[in-house]
Amino acid sequence: MAEHPPVVVHPPSPSGGRRVTVNAAILGLAHNLRDVEEFLRRAGLDDVDVERSSLIEWRGGGPCEWKH
């Protein structure tokens, strides 16, 4: 069984934000890449390239998709 990345950026919600989770714990609702970076920094994941890191699974669109 393939292991999933610990960070998931979920599909855009009707409000335009995307839920961000680490190991299924909700970090918050991001509205842009800076929000994702800040949530990860607060979770102790500094220096993660949010657009390219294999630690992040983007669901419902990649790092440029923010509106539902």
N, C-alpha and C. Protein backbone atom coordinates (compact mmCIF):
# COMPACT_ATOMS: atom_id res chain seq x y z
N MET A 1 0.84 -1.17 0.00
CA MET A 1 0.00 0.00 0.00
C MET A 1 0.89 1.24 0.00
N ALA A 2 0.62 2.18 -0.91
CA ALA A 2 1.40 3.41 -1.01
C ALA A 2 1.04 4.34 0.15
N GLU A 3 2.06 4.97 0.68
CA GLU A 3 1.84 5.91 1.78
C GLU A 3 1.47 7.27 1.22
N HIS A 4 0.48 7.91 1.84
CA HIS A 4 0.03 9.23 1.41
C HIS A 4 0.89 10.31 2.06
N PRO A 5 1.06 11.44 1.37
CA PRO A 5 1.77 12.54 2.01
C PRO A 5 1.05 12.97 3.28
N PRO A 6 1.79 13.43 4.29
CA PRO A 6 1.17 13.82 5.55
C PRO A 6 0.36 15.11 5.47
N VAL A 7 0.66 15.96 4.49
CA VAL A 7 -0.05 17.23 4.35
C VAL A 7 -1.04 17.12 3.20
N VAL A 8 -2.29 17.50 3.46
CA VAL A 8 -3.30 17.50 2.40
C VAL A 8 -3.91 18.90 2.33
N VAL A 9 -3.93 19.44 1.11
CA VAL A 9 -4.66 20.67 0.85
C VAL A 9 -5.91 20.22 0.10
N HIS A 10 -7.04 20.37 0.74
CA HIS A 10 -8.30 19.84 0.23
C HIS A 10 -8.88 20.72 -0.86
N PRO A 11 -9.88 20.23 -1.60
CA PRO A 11 -10.47 21.01 -2.68
C PRO A 11 -11.04 22.35 -2.19
N PRO A 12 -11.10 23.32 -3.09
CA PRO A 12 -11.67 24.62 -2.71
C PRO A 12 -13.10 24.48 -2.22
N SER A 13 -13.41 25.21 -1.15
CA SER A 13 -14.77 25.24 -0.62
C SER A 13 -15.56 26.32 -1.35
N PRO A 14 -16.87 26.35 -1.18
CA PRO A 14 -17.66 27.40 -1.82
C PRO A 14 -17.20 28.81 -1.44
N SER A 15 -16.58 28.97 -0.27
CA SER A 15 -16.09 30.29 0.15
C SER A 15 -14.77 30.65 -0.52
N GLY A 16 -14.15 29.67 -1.17
CA GLY A 16 -12.89 29.92 -1.86
C GLY A 16 -11.67 29.45 -1.10
N GLY A 17 -11.79 29.14 0.18
CA GLY A 17 -10.65 28.65 0.95
C GLY A 17 -10.46 27.16 0.77
N ARG A 18 -9.30 26.68 1.19
CA ARG A 18 -8.99 25.25 1.13
C ARG A 18 -8.52 24.79 2.50
N ARG A 19 -9.16 23.75 3.03
CA ARG A 19 -8.77 23.19 4.32
C ARG A 19 -7.40 22.56 4.18
N VAL A 20 -6.55 22.76 5.18
CA VAL A 20 -5.21 22.19 5.20
C VAL A 20 -5.11 21.27 6.41
N THR A 21 -4.69 20.03 6.18
CA THR A 21 -4.53 19.08 7.27
C THR A 21 -3.12 18.49 7.25
N VAL A 22 -2.64 18.12 8.45
CA VAL A 22 -1.38 17.39 8.59
C VAL A 22 -1.71 16.16 9.42
N ASN A 23 -1.47 15.00 8.84
CA ASN A 23 -1.80 13.73 9.50
C ASN A 23 -3.23 13.76 10.03
N ALA A 24 -4.15 14.27 9.22
CA ALA A 24 -5.59 14.34 9.49
C ALA A 24 -5.99 15.40 10.52
N ALA A 25 -5.04 16.12 11.09
CA ALA A 25 -5.36 17.22 12.02
C ALA A 25 -5.55 18.50 11.20
N ILE A 26 -6.67 19.18 11.40
CA ILE A 26 -6.95 20.39 10.65
C ILE A 26 -6.09 21.54 11.17
N LEU A 27 -5.36 22.19 10.24
CA LEU A 27 -4.54 23.34 10.60
C LEU A 27 -5.29 24.65 10.37
N GLY A 28 -6.18 24.66 9.39
CA GLY A 28 -6.92 25.89 9.12
C GLY A 28 -7.44 25.91 7.69
N LEU A 29 -8.01 27.06 7.34
CA LEU A 29 -8.57 27.27 6.01
C LEU A 29 -7.69 28.29 5.29
N ALA A 30 -6.97 27.83 4.28
CA ALA A 30 -6.05 28.68 3.54
C ALA A 30 -6.77 29.33 2.36
N HIS A 31 -6.41 30.58 2.10
CA HIS A 31 -6.97 31.31 0.96
C HIS A 31 -5.91 31.61 -0.09
N ASN A 32 -4.66 31.22 0.19
CA ASN A 32 -3.57 31.41 -0.76
C ASN A 32 -2.36 30.60 -0.29
N LEU A 33 -1.31 30.61 -1.11
CA LEU A 33 -0.11 29.83 -0.77
C LEU A 33 0.56 30.31 0.51
N ARG A 34 0.52 31.61 0.75
CA ARG A 34 1.13 32.13 1.99
C ARG A 34 0.46 31.55 3.22
N ASP A 35 -0.86 31.40 3.16
CA ASP A 35 -1.57 30.77 4.29
C ASP A 35 -1.08 29.35 4.51
N VAL A 36 -0.92 28.59 3.43
CA VAL A 36 -0.44 27.21 3.55
C VAL A 36 0.95 27.21 4.17
N GLU A 37 1.84 28.08 3.69
CA GLU A 37 3.20 28.18 4.24
C GLU A 37 3.16 28.48 5.74
N GLU A 38 2.30 29.42 6.14
CA GLU A 38 2.21 29.80 7.55
C GLU A 38 1.69 28.66 8.41
N PHE A 39 0.65 27.96 7.93
CA PHE A 39 0.13 26.82 8.68
C PHE A 39 1.22 25.76 8.88
N LEU A 40 1.98 25.49 7.82
CA LEU A 40 3.04 24.48 7.92
C LEU A 40 4.15 24.95 8.84
N ARG A 41 4.49 26.24 8.79
CA ARG A 41 5.52 26.79 9.69
C ARG A 41 5.09 26.60 11.14
N ARG A 42 3.83 26.92 11.43
CA ARG A 42 3.32 26.76 12.80
C ARG A 42 3.31 25.30 13.24
N ALA A 43 3.19 24.39 12.28
CA ALA A 43 3.19 22.95 12.58
C ALA A 43 4.61 22.38 12.65
N GLY A 44 5.61 23.25 12.50
CA GLY A 44 7.00 22.80 12.59
C GLY A 44 7.58 22.32 11.28
N LEU A 45 6.91 22.60 10.17
CA LEU A 45 7.39 22.19 8.85
C LEU A 45 7.91 23.42 8.10
N ASP A 46 9.02 23.96 8.58
CA ASP A 46 9.64 25.13 7.96
C ASP A 46 10.31 24.74 6.64
N ASP A 47 10.47 25.71 5.79
CA ASP A 47 11.22 25.54 4.54
C ASP A 47 10.66 24.47 3.61
N VAL A 48 9.34 24.31 3.59
CA VAL A 48 8.69 23.39 2.67
C VAL A 48 8.27 24.18 1.43
N ASP A 49 8.69 23.73 0.26
CA ASP A 49 8.26 24.35 -0.99
C ASP A 49 6.83 23.89 -1.25
N VAL A 50 5.86 24.73 -0.90
CA VAL A 50 4.47 24.30 -0.94
C VAL A 50 3.98 23.97 -2.35
N GLU A 51 4.63 24.48 -3.36
CA GLU A 51 4.20 24.20 -4.74
C GLU A 51 4.78 22.89 -5.28
N ARG A 52 5.88 22.42 -4.73
CA ARG A 52 6.58 21.27 -5.31
C ARG A 52 6.84 20.10 -4.36
N SER A 53 6.64 20.29 -3.09
CA SER A 53 7.02 19.26 -2.11
C SER A 53 6.18 17.99 -2.25
N SER A 54 6.85 16.86 -2.14
CA SER A 54 6.15 15.57 -2.16
C SER A 54 5.45 15.29 -0.83
N LEU A 55 5.66 16.16 0.17
CA LEU A 55 4.96 16.03 1.45
C LEU A 55 3.50 16.47 1.34
N ILE A 56 3.18 17.19 0.26
CA ILE A 56 1.85 17.79 0.12
C ILE A 56 1.07 17.12 -0.99
N GLU A 57 -0.16 16.74 -0.67
CA GLU A 57 -1.10 16.22 -1.67
C GLU A 57 -2.14 17.30 -1.92
N TRP A 58 -2.22 17.76 -3.16
CA TRP A 58 -3.19 18.78 -3.55
C TRP A 58 -4.40 18.06 -4.13
N ARG A 59 -5.54 18.23 -3.50
CA ARG A 59 -6.78 17.60 -3.98
C ARG A 59 -7.69 18.66 -4.58
N GLY A 60 -8.32 18.31 -5.69
CA GLY A 60 -9.27 19.23 -6.30
C GLY A 60 -8.62 20.43 -6.98
N GLY A 61 -7.39 20.25 -7.42
CA GLY A 61 -6.66 21.31 -8.09
C GLY A 61 -5.32 21.56 -7.41
N GLY A 62 -4.39 22.07 -8.18
CA GLY A 62 -3.05 22.30 -7.67
C GLY A 62 -2.93 23.60 -6.89
N PRO A 63 -1.69 24.04 -6.68
CA PRO A 63 -1.43 25.19 -5.85
C PRO A 63 -1.94 26.53 -6.41
N CYS A 64 -2.38 26.55 -7.63
CA CYS A 64 -2.90 27.79 -8.23
C CYS A 64 -4.43 27.85 -8.18
N GLU A 65 -5.09 26.82 -7.69
CA GLU A 65 -6.55 26.71 -7.69
C GLU A 65 -7.11 27.07 -6.31
N TRP A 66 -7.82 28.20 -6.22
CA TRP A 66 -8.33 28.65 -4.93
C TRP A 66 -9.82 28.93 -4.92
N LYS A 67 -10.46 29.06 -6.04
CA LYS A 67 -11.90 29.34 -6.07
C LYS A 67 -12.66 28.11 -6.49
N HIS A 68 -13.82 27.92 -5.89
CA HIS A 68 -14.69 26.77 -6.19
C HIS A 68 -15.43 27.03 -7.49
